[in-house]
Amino acid sequence: MTAERRVHIKSFGCQMNVYDSHRLADTLAPAGFSETSRPEDADLIVLNTCHIREKAEEKVFSELGRMRVIKEAAAIAGRRVTIAVAGCVAQAQGREIVRRAPAVDIVVGSQNYYRLPALLARAERDCSVVETDFPVEDKFDNLSPPSWAAIRARGVSAFVTVQEGCDKFCTFCVVPYTRGAEASRPAANILAETKHLAQAGVREITLLGQNVNAYDGEAPDGRRWGLARLLARISEIPRVARVRYATSHPRDMDASLIAAHRDLPKLMAFLHLPVQSGSDRILSRMKRRHTRANYLDTIGRLRAARPDMAFSSDFIVGFPGESEDDFEATLSLVDEVGFAGAFSFKYSARPGTPSAEMPDQIDEATKSERLYRLQAAIDRNAAAFNARCLGRTFDVLFEKPGRHAGQIVGRSPYLQPVQVMAAHSLIGQVAAVTITEVSSNSMFGAIARETRAAGD
């Protein structure tokens, strides 16, 4: 019998990294590793990294400094701790990690994490730093299914990766260089994983991809499926109550996917659709391949198909050459769409991307001032959207106990946390809830009618 050891995995960045971290844990389980939330208790510490933004990258090196202290303290106590860096920073800067952080034992890229057990054995045997050569390969064939115990510990919602990589080559983005070209997972594998999750108690599935609506996977009959067809088949799986997908590119919102929002009741009426800027001039410099008018047309078509649709987005402020007029176009787009929420960031130059070499970089003070104004506009629109939910009745999927006795917490179709005084037996089920109070961070409601089992 393999002696039990403990692994602490910390994720940085996107939902894809959260999914990858879960699969890292699943890959290590047959080697005798169980997860711990405390790095001080771990025999193996894995930092699953993100390379999209400079701050995320620097957070990794800061965290490695803290992990080095834990490793040294364990060594004094006679216990070995191994530190591994995985993910996009490892993929892009493996040699730099080893140079800057000598405490690291293993560096494994985002495409190769399934190799971690073998790399760990090699590092422990040879007592030397192990680095992969970071080939971009199809890791989908090497995924092992998680145990039911692991699934249940993660809750009633789960991510499933269906697509990875990107062919768009936006001038600010490192994804094509760290995650590689677009690759779609075979539909049969996705359906099998989703059925496994549903049988273990998962009620909500979010399909993930760097450019998820570019999905073009092999179907069970050998043909090709787009995302709309895949969503339809997943919606047929018993016990799956809700389906979502992220993150989408506006260029790939085709008619079949818009129709899916009309035709599939389990597909939530909430879409994260990054626009990045409201200025056509900046969108062109970003090489986004859509215009403001294209984007607004897509929003309009989705609302026509599903009148209760709501949207969130991503914005970059201070992109090279952004004028005040360009920025004002972004502010006006926020108000025109009326986003329910959005993520916004100051532009940061990523080495190796075309925009990093553009001559007209924006100074930090201007970027900070614009970000402040943009976030105020986003917050104003989000607050207005939440206020319109007061008195509405919609389905809530309950996820966990609340902070107070007799309280449970779930998510609305728009991902807002909803708190209700009700029995814990409703956790994992869907109930219609009438919203009675709205605060800045969550909503409060009351059960409106008899609960039905999730997925029925």
Protein backbone atom coordinates (compact mmCIF):
# COMPACT_ATOMS: atom_id res chain seq x y z
CA MET A 1 0.00 0.00 0.00
CA THR A 2 1.29 3.48 -0.90
CA ALA A 3 2.01 5.62 2.17
CA GLU A 4 -0.29 8.62 2.35
CA ARG A 5 1.31 11.96 1.65
CA ARG A 6 -0.18 15.42 1.46
CA VAL A 7 -0.19 17.96 -1.36
CA HIS A 8 -1.02 21.64 -1.22
CA ILE A 9 -2.03 23.14 -4.59
CA LYS A 10 -2.48 26.87 -5.03
CA SER A 11 -4.03 28.26 -8.23
CA PHE A 12 -3.36 31.64 -9.77
CA GLY A 13 -5.42 33.24 -12.52
CA CYS A 14 -8.28 31.88 -14.57
CA GLN A 15 -10.95 29.20 -14.18
CA MET A 16 -8.90 26.96 -16.45
CA ASN A 17 -6.17 26.95 -13.82
CA VAL A 18 -8.68 25.97 -11.14
CA TYR A 19 -9.75 23.05 -13.32
CA ASP A 20 -6.14 22.11 -13.98
CA SER A 21 -5.42 22.20 -10.24
CA HIS A 22 -8.26 19.77 -9.62
CA ARG A 23 -6.86 17.45 -12.26
CA LEU A 24 -3.38 17.80 -10.76
CA ALA A 25 -4.81 16.54 -7.48
CA ASP A 26 -6.60 13.71 -9.29
CA THR A 27 -3.35 12.75 -11.05
CA LEU A 28 -1.48 12.63 -7.74
CA ALA A 29 -4.12 10.64 -5.84
CA PRO A 30 -3.00 7.21 -7.16
CA ALA A 31 0.50 8.07 -5.92
CA GLY A 32 -0.88 8.35 -2.38
CA PHE A 33 -1.40 12.11 -2.13
CA SER A 34 -4.37 13.71 -0.39
CA GLU A 35 -5.03 17.44 -0.50
CA THR A 36 -4.38 19.85 2.37
CA SER A 37 -5.26 23.52 2.55
CA ARG A 38 -2.17 24.23 4.69
CA PRO A 39 1.20 24.39 2.91
CA GLU A 40 2.90 23.82 6.29
CA ASP A 41 1.39 20.31 6.40
CA ALA A 42 2.29 19.36 2.83
CA ASP A 43 4.95 17.00 1.52
CA LEU A 44 4.45 18.47 -1.95
CA ILE A 45 3.59 22.10 -2.71
CA VAL A 46 2.39 22.93 -6.22
CA LEU A 47 1.90 26.49 -7.48
CA ASN A 48 -0.28 26.39 -10.60
CA THR A 49 0.58 29.66 -12.27
CA CYS A 50 -0.87 32.26 -14.64
CA HIS A 51 1.15 34.33 -17.13
CA ILE A 52 -1.60 36.61 -18.44
CA ARG A 53 -0.81 39.62 -16.27
CA GLU A 54 2.40 40.88 -14.71
CA LYS A 55 0.99 41.03 -11.19
CA ALA A 56 -0.09 37.38 -11.35
CA GLU A 57 3.44 36.45 -12.40
CA GLU A 58 5.09 38.45 -9.62
CA LYS A 59 2.68 36.93 -7.08
CA VAL A 60 4.14 33.55 -7.98
CA PHE A 61 7.69 34.60 -7.12
CA SER A 62 6.49 36.23 -3.91
CA GLU A 63 4.66 33.04 -2.97
CA LEU A 64 7.76 30.99 -3.77
CA GLY A 65 9.64 33.02 -1.17
CA ARG A 66 7.09 32.00 1.46
CA MET A 67 7.20 28.37 0.35
CA ARG A 68 11.01 28.39 0.61
CA VAL A 69 10.71 29.31 4.30
CA ILE A 70 8.29 26.40 4.85
CA LYS A 71 10.63 24.02 3.03
CA GLU A 72 13.63 25.10 5.09
CA ALA A 73 11.71 24.77 8.37
CA ALA A 74 10.59 21.26 7.38
CA ALA A 75 14.18 20.29 6.56
CA ILE A 76 15.33 21.38 10.01
CA ALA A 77 12.62 19.12 11.46
CA GLY A 78 13.86 16.23 9.32
CA ARG A 79 11.00 16.26 6.80
CA ARG A 80 11.38 16.66 3.04
CA VAL A 81 9.13 19.10 1.19
CA THR A 82 9.13 19.24 -2.60
CA ILE A 83 8.12 22.42 -4.43
CA ALA A 84 6.73 22.29 -7.97
CA VAL A 85 5.74 25.14 -10.28
CA ALA A 86 3.17 24.28 -12.94
CA GLY A 87 1.06 26.20 -15.42
CA CYS A 88 1.63 29.08 -17.80
CA VAL A 89 4.52 30.83 -16.02
CA ALA A 90 6.31 27.49 -15.93
CA GLN A 91 5.55 27.01 -19.62
CA ALA A 92 6.90 30.45 -20.54
CA GLN A 93 9.68 31.03 -18.00
CA GLY A 94 10.88 27.66 -16.74
CA ARG A 95 14.56 28.60 -16.77
CA GLU A 96 13.89 31.95 -15.08
CA ILE A 97 11.98 30.22 -12.28
CA VAL A 98 14.93 27.95 -11.56
CA ARG A 99 17.30 30.94 -11.61
CA ARG A 100 15.20 33.16 -9.35
CA ALA A 101 13.86 30.49 -6.99
CA PRO A 102 16.46 27.80 -6.18
CA ALA A 103 14.05 26.16 -3.72
CA VAL A 104 11.98 24.88 -6.66
CA ASP A 105 12.42 21.16 -7.39
CA ILE A 106 10.12 20.64 -10.38
CA VAL A 107 8.98 22.87 -13.24
CA VAL A 108 6.17 21.49 -15.40
CA GLY A 109 4.26 23.34 -18.12
CA SER A 110 0.53 23.77 -18.56
CA GLN A 111 0.43 21.09 -21.27
CA ASN A 112 2.36 18.49 -19.26
CA TYR A 113 1.03 18.44 -15.71
CA TYR A 114 -0.16 14.84 -16.03
CA ARG A 115 3.56 13.99 -15.94
CA LEU A 116 3.93 15.31 -12.38
CA PRO A 117 3.95 11.92 -10.57
CA ALA A 118 6.80 10.68 -12.77
CA LEU A 119 8.68 13.97 -12.43
CA LEU A 120 8.25 13.83 -8.66
CA ALA A 121 9.68 10.33 -8.50
CA ARG A 122 12.64 11.45 -10.59
CA ALA A 123 13.28 14.54 -8.46
CA GLU A 124 13.18 12.50 -5.27
CA ARG A 125 15.44 9.80 -6.72
CA ASP A 126 18.07 12.08 -8.27
CA CYS A 127 17.84 14.95 -5.74
CA SER A 128 18.06 17.44 -8.60
CA VAL A 129 15.83 19.99 -10.28
CA VAL A 130 13.56 18.44 -12.90
CA GLU A 131 12.27 20.50 -15.80
CA THR A 132 10.14 19.33 -18.70
CA ASP A 133 10.99 20.43 -22.22
CA PHE A 134 7.50 21.98 -22.39
CA PRO A 135 6.21 20.53 -25.66
CA VAL A 136 2.70 21.64 -26.57
CA GLU A 137 0.90 18.30 -26.64
CA ASP A 138 -2.57 16.88 -26.24
CA LYS A 139 -2.98 16.39 -22.52
CA PHE A 140 -6.66 15.52 -22.95
CA ASP A 141 -5.72 11.89 -23.64
CA ASN A 142 -3.90 11.72 -20.32
CA LEU A 143 -6.63 12.90 -17.94
CA SER A 144 -7.61 10.46 -15.20
CA PRO A 145 -11.14 10.63 -13.75
CA PRO A 146 -11.49 12.15 -10.27
CA SER A 147 -12.82 10.03 -7.44
CA TRP A 148 -16.36 10.57 -6.21
CA ALA A 149 -14.96 11.66 -2.84
CA ALA A 150 -12.87 14.37 -4.53
CA ILE A 151 -15.84 15.54 -6.59
CA ARG A 152 -18.14 15.78 -3.59
CA ALA A 153 -15.52 17.71 -1.61
CA ARG A 154 -15.46 20.34 -4.38
CA GLY A 155 -19.19 21.04 -4.27
CA VAL A 156 -22.19 20.95 -6.56
CA SER A 157 -20.59 22.94 -9.41
CA ALA A 158 -17.71 21.74 -11.56
CA PHE A 159 -15.57 22.84 -14.49
CA VAL A 160 -14.94 20.68 -17.54
CA THR A 161 -12.28 21.72 -20.04
CA VAL A 162 -13.47 21.24 -23.63
CA GLN A 163 -11.05 23.42 -25.58
CA GLU A 164 -7.59 24.84 -25.02
CA GLY A 165 -5.34 27.33 -26.77
CA CYS A 166 -6.12 30.21 -29.09
CA ASP A 167 -5.47 31.10 -32.73
CA LYS A 168 -6.55 34.75 -32.50
CA PHE A 169 -3.16 36.25 -31.52
CA CYS A 170 -4.47 39.44 -29.95
CA THR A 171 -1.50 41.78 -29.71
CA PHE A 172 -1.58 41.95 -25.89
CA CYS A 173 -2.05 38.25 -25.14
CA VAL A 174 0.40 35.45 -24.29
CA VAL A 175 -2.11 32.59 -24.43
CA PRO A 176 -1.15 31.38 -27.93
CA TYR A 177 2.46 31.17 -26.74
CA THR A 178 1.78 29.41 -23.43
CA ARG A 179 -1.29 27.29 -24.20
CA GLY A 180 -0.62 26.71 -27.88
CA ALA A 181 -2.96 26.51 -30.86
CA GLU A 182 -6.66 25.81 -30.49
CA ALA A 183 -7.37 22.17 -29.72
CA SER A 184 -10.80 20.69 -29.01
CA ARG A 185 -11.37 17.68 -26.81
CA PRO A 186 -13.35 14.76 -28.29
CA ALA A 187 -17.03 15.03 -27.40
CA ALA A 188 -17.23 11.44 -26.13
CA ASN A 189 -14.58 12.19 -23.48
CA ILE A 190 -16.40 15.35 -22.38
CA LEU A 191 -19.73 13.54 -22.12
CA ALA A 192 -18.15 10.71 -20.13
CA GLU A 193 -16.55 13.13 -17.67
CA THR A 194 -19.77 15.10 -17.30
CA LYS A 195 -21.79 11.92 -16.62
CA HIS A 196 -19.20 10.88 -14.03
CA LEU A 197 -19.50 14.27 -12.31
CA ALA A 198 -23.31 14.18 -12.37
CA GLN A 199 -23.42 10.67 -10.91
CA ALA A 200 -21.19 11.90 -8.07
CA GLY A 201 -23.54 14.77 -7.23
CA VAL A 202 -22.49 17.71 -9.42
CA ARG A 203 -25.47 19.78 -10.54
CA GLU A 204 -23.87 22.60 -12.53
CA ILE A 205 -21.33 22.17 -15.33
CA THR A 206 -19.23 25.03 -16.72
CA LEU A 207 -17.47 24.22 -19.98
CA LEU A 208 -14.07 25.88 -20.17
CA GLY A 209 -11.74 26.97 -22.92
CA GLN A 210 -9.43 29.86 -23.67
CA ASN A 211 -11.72 30.41 -26.65
CA VAL A 212 -14.52 28.04 -25.72
CA ASN A 213 -16.97 28.96 -28.47
CA ALA A 214 -14.36 27.98 -31.06
CA TYR A 215 -14.97 24.38 -29.94
CA ASP A 216 -14.81 21.99 -32.88
CA GLY A 217 -14.52 18.52 -31.43
CA GLU A 218 -14.81 15.06 -32.85
CA ALA A 219 -18.28 13.63 -32.24
CA PRO A 220 -18.94 10.00 -31.25
CA ASP A 221 -19.94 9.26 -34.86
CA GLY A 222 -16.71 10.74 -36.24
CA ARG A 223 -18.28 14.01 -37.40
CA ARG A 224 -17.50 17.45 -35.89
CA TRP A 225 -19.56 19.18 -33.22
CA GLY A 226 -19.61 22.87 -32.44
CA LEU A 227 -20.25 24.20 -28.96
CA ALA A 228 -24.02 24.48 -29.47
CA ARG A 229 -24.36 20.78 -30.26
CA LEU A 230 -22.15 19.86 -27.31
CA LEU A 231 -24.24 22.01 -24.96
CA ALA A 232 -27.41 20.34 -26.20
CA ARG A 233 -26.05 16.86 -25.47
CA ILE A 234 -24.77 17.83 -22.03
CA SER A 235 -28.19 19.29 -21.23
CA GLU A 236 -29.66 15.83 -21.79
CA ILE A 237 -27.53 14.21 -19.08
CA PRO A 238 -29.70 13.26 -16.09
CA ARG A 239 -29.16 15.25 -12.88
CA VAL A 240 -27.39 18.11 -14.63
CA ALA A 241 -29.46 21.13 -13.68
CA ARG A 242 -27.41 23.95 -15.16
CA VAL A 243 -24.90 24.49 -17.94
CA ARG A 244 -22.57 27.44 -18.55
CA TYR A 245 -19.49 28.13 -20.67
CA ALA A 246 -16.51 30.49 -20.54
CA THR A 247 -14.61 32.29 -21.97
CA SER A 248 -16.01 33.31 -25.34
CA HIS A 249 -14.71 35.42 -28.20
CA PRO A 250 -17.25 37.74 -29.89
CA ARG A 251 -16.12 36.55 -33.33
CA ASP A 252 -17.24 33.00 -32.57
CA MET A 253 -20.78 33.70 -31.33
CA ASP A 254 -22.50 32.02 -34.29
CA ALA A 255 -26.22 31.61 -34.98
CA SER A 256 -26.35 28.07 -33.59
CA LEU A 257 -24.89 29.17 -30.26
CA ILE A 258 -27.29 32.10 -30.00
CA ALA A 259 -30.17 29.71 -30.77
CA ALA A 260 -28.93 27.41 -27.99
CA HIS A 261 -29.60 30.20 -25.48
CA ARG A 262 -33.17 30.31 -26.80
CA ASP A 263 -33.74 26.56 -26.92
CA LEU A 264 -31.90 25.06 -23.93
CA PRO A 265 -33.59 25.82 -20.59
CA LYS A 266 -30.59 24.47 -18.66
CA LEU A 267 -28.20 26.90 -20.38
CA MET A 268 -28.02 29.90 -18.08
CA ALA A 269 -29.06 33.33 -19.34
CA PHE A 270 -25.71 34.83 -18.37
CA LEU A 271 -22.70 35.15 -20.66
CA HIS A 272 -19.16 36.39 -20.10
CA LEU A 273 -18.23 37.99 -23.43
CA PRO A 274 -14.96 39.97 -23.32
CA VAL A 275 -14.91 43.12 -25.45
CA GLN A 276 -11.70 44.73 -24.08
CA SER A 277 -12.42 48.23 -25.48
CA GLY A 278 -15.28 50.29 -26.86
CA SER A 279 -13.07 52.04 -29.42
CA ASP A 280 -12.76 50.60 -32.93
CA ARG A 281 -9.31 52.15 -33.28
CA ILE A 282 -8.05 50.38 -30.15
CA LEU A 283 -9.83 47.13 -31.05
CA SER A 284 -7.97 47.19 -34.36
CA ARG A 285 -4.64 47.78 -32.62
CA MET A 286 -5.46 44.92 -30.26
CA LYS A 287 -6.22 42.71 -33.29
CA ARG A 288 -9.49 41.69 -31.69
CA ARG A 289 -11.15 40.97 -35.07
CA HIS A 290 -14.46 42.56 -34.07
CA THR A 291 -15.78 46.11 -33.98
CA ARG A 292 -17.97 47.92 -31.49
CA ALA A 293 -20.91 47.52 -33.89
CA ASN A 294 -20.22 43.78 -34.24
CA TYR A 295 -20.21 43.39 -30.49
CA LEU A 296 -23.42 45.36 -29.95
CA ASP A 297 -25.12 43.39 -32.74
CA THR A 298 -24.20 40.12 -30.98
CA ILE A 299 -25.56 41.44 -27.68
CA GLY A 300 -28.79 42.45 -29.43
CA ARG A 301 -29.21 39.06 -31.11
CA LEU A 302 -28.68 37.25 -27.82
CA ARG A 303 -31.23 39.45 -26.06
CA ALA A 304 -33.71 38.86 -28.86
CA ALA A 305 -33.22 35.10 -28.45
CA ARG A 306 -33.36 35.22 -24.66
CA PRO A 307 -34.85 38.46 -23.25
CA ASP A 308 -33.59 37.76 -19.71
CA MET A 309 -29.94 37.54 -20.84
CA ALA A 310 -27.33 39.41 -18.82
CA PHE A 311 -23.67 39.94 -19.61
CA SER A 312 -20.27 40.41 -18.05
CA SER A 313 -17.07 41.34 -19.84
CA ASP A 314 -13.35 42.08 -19.68
CA PHE A 315 -11.80 45.50 -20.26
CA ILE A 316 -8.22 46.71 -20.68
CA VAL A 317 -7.54 50.40 -20.06
CA GLY A 318 -4.43 52.28 -21.09
CA PHE A 319 -3.63 50.13 -24.12
CA PRO A 320 -0.80 51.73 -26.14
CA GLY A 321 -2.08 54.75 -28.03
CA GLU A 322 -5.41 54.94 -26.17
CA SER A 323 -6.63 58.54 -26.28
CA GLU A 324 -9.19 60.14 -24.02
CA ASP A 325 -11.74 59.80 -26.83
CA ASP A 326 -10.95 56.08 -27.11
CA PHE A 327 -11.45 55.68 -23.37
CA GLU A 328 -14.72 57.63 -23.45
CA ALA A 329 -15.93 55.17 -26.10
CA THR A 330 -15.30 52.37 -23.62
CA LEU A 331 -17.24 54.18 -20.90
CA SER A 332 -20.19 54.72 -23.24
CA LEU A 333 -20.18 51.03 -24.20
CA VAL A 334 -20.46 50.03 -20.55
CA ASP A 335 -23.59 52.15 -20.20
CA GLU A 336 -25.03 51.08 -23.54
CA VAL A 337 -24.81 47.36 -22.74
CA GLY A 338 -25.58 47.71 -19.01
CA PHE A 339 -23.24 44.93 -17.88
CA ALA A 340 -24.21 42.96 -14.79
CA GLY A 341 -20.51 42.91 -13.92
CA ALA A 342 -17.07 43.05 -15.52
CA PHE A 343 -13.37 42.55 -14.91
CA SER A 344 -11.15 45.52 -15.69
CA PHE A 345 -7.39 45.86 -15.72
CA LYS A 346 -4.65 48.30 -16.53
CA TYR A 347 -2.70 47.27 -19.59
CA SER A 348 0.57 45.55 -18.72
CA ALA A 349 3.12 44.74 -21.41
CA ARG A 350 3.84 41.04 -21.68
CA PRO A 351 7.27 40.20 -23.10
CA GLY A 352 7.11 38.74 -26.58
CA THR A 353 3.72 40.22 -27.49
CA PRO A 354 3.43 42.80 -30.31
CA SER A 355 1.84 45.46 -28.10
CA ALA A 356 4.87 45.43 -25.78
CA GLU A 357 6.89 46.89 -28.67
CA MET A 358 4.41 49.63 -29.56
CA PRO A 359 5.99 53.07 -29.09
CA ASP A 360 3.05 55.00 -27.59
CA GLN A 361 2.80 53.36 -24.15
CA ILE A 362 0.48 55.06 -21.64
CA ASP A 363 1.88 56.29 -18.33
CA GLU A 364 0.83 54.58 -15.11
CA ALA A 365 -0.91 57.64 -13.65
CA THR A 366 -3.21 57.92 -16.66
CA LYS A 367 -3.94 54.19 -16.63
CA SER A 368 -4.79 54.30 -12.92
CA GLU A 369 -7.09 57.29 -13.33
CA ARG A 370 -8.92 55.68 -16.23
CA LEU A 371 -9.26 52.39 -14.41
CA TYR A 372 -10.85 54.20 -11.46
CA ARG A 373 -13.42 55.85 -13.75
CA LEU A 374 -14.12 52.62 -15.60
CA GLN A 375 -14.66 50.61 -12.43
CA ALA A 376 -17.04 53.28 -11.15
CA ALA A 377 -19.10 52.90 -14.34
CA ILE A 378 -19.04 49.10 -14.09
CA ASP A 379 -20.08 49.22 -10.42
CA ARG A 380 -22.91 51.65 -11.20
CA ASN A 381 -24.32 49.36 -13.89
CA ALA A 382 -23.90 46.24 -11.75
CA ALA A 383 -25.73 47.91 -8.86
CA ALA A 384 -28.56 48.91 -11.21
CA PHE A 385 -28.82 45.34 -12.50
CA ASN A 386 -28.94 43.94 -8.97
CA ALA A 387 -31.57 46.49 -7.97
CA ARG A 388 -33.77 45.32 -10.85
CA CYS A 389 -33.65 41.82 -9.36
CA LEU A 390 -35.50 42.98 -6.23
CA GLY A 391 -38.92 41.32 -6.19
CA ARG A 392 -38.03 38.92 -9.01
CA THR A 393 -38.42 35.17 -8.64
CA PHE A 394 -35.81 32.94 -10.22
CA ASP A 395 -34.24 29.57 -9.69
CA VAL A 396 -31.34 29.25 -7.26
CA LEU A 397 -28.97 26.30 -7.02
CA PHE A 398 -28.04 25.92 -3.36
CA GLU A 399 -24.36 25.18 -2.73
CA LYS A 400 -23.50 25.32 0.97
CA PRO A 401 -24.54 26.37 4.48
CA GLY A 402 -24.57 30.08 5.21
CA ARG A 403 -22.73 31.88 7.98
CA HIS A 404 -25.78 31.97 10.22
CA ALA A 405 -27.76 29.12 11.73
CA GLY A 406 -30.55 27.91 9.46
CA GLN A 407 -29.16 29.76 6.43
CA ILE A 408 -28.10 28.29 3.09
CA VAL A 409 -26.40 29.99 0.15
CA GLY A 410 -26.82 29.42 -3.56
CA ARG A 411 -26.28 31.11 -6.90
CA SER A 412 -28.79 32.82 -9.15
CA PRO A 413 -28.72 32.26 -12.92
CA TYR A 414 -26.52 35.39 -13.01
CA LEU A 415 -24.01 33.98 -10.48
CA GLN A 416 -25.12 36.32 -7.69
CA PRO A 417 -24.90 34.77 -4.22
CA VAL A 418 -28.39 34.35 -2.74
CA GLN A 419 -28.92 33.71 0.96
CA VAL A 420 -32.10 32.04 2.21
CA MET A 421 -33.31 30.73 5.56
CA ALA A 422 -34.11 27.11 4.68
CA ALA A 423 -33.24 23.51 5.49
CA HIS A 424 -29.75 22.20 4.67
CA SER A 425 -31.43 19.35 2.81
CA LEU A 426 -31.93 21.80 -0.08
CA ILE A 427 -28.17 21.97 -0.71
CA GLY A 428 -27.56 20.48 -4.15
CA GLN A 429 -31.11 21.23 -5.26
CA VAL A 430 -32.78 23.99 -7.25
CA ALA A 431 -35.56 26.08 -5.78
CA ALA A 432 -37.48 29.12 -6.96
CA VAL A 433 -36.57 32.07 -4.74
CA THR A 434 -38.17 35.51 -4.51
CA ILE A 435 -35.56 38.22 -3.89
CA THR A 436 -36.56 40.29 -0.88
CA GLU A 437 -33.39 42.31 -0.23
CA VAL A 438 -30.32 43.36 -2.24
CA SER A 439 -26.99 44.34 -0.70
CA SER A 440 -23.68 45.32 -2.30
CA ASN A 441 -22.30 41.77 -2.16
CA SER A 442 -25.26 39.40 -2.17
CA MET A 443 -29.01 38.97 -2.23
CA PHE A 444 -31.52 37.66 0.28
CA GLY A 445 -34.69 35.82 -0.54
CA ALA A 446 -37.42 33.39 0.43
CA ILE A 447 -38.42 30.06 -1.08
CA ALA A 448 -41.25 30.81 -3.49
CA ARG A 449 -42.70 27.38 -4.17
CA GLU A 450 -42.09 23.68 -3.74
CA THR A 451 -38.54 22.68 -4.62
CA ARG A 452 -37.89 20.29 -7.48
CA ALA A 453 -34.91 17.99 -7.69
CA ALA A 454 -31.95 19.41 -9.61
CA GLY A 455 -31.97 18.39 -13.24
CA ASP A 456 -35.68 17.45 -13.34
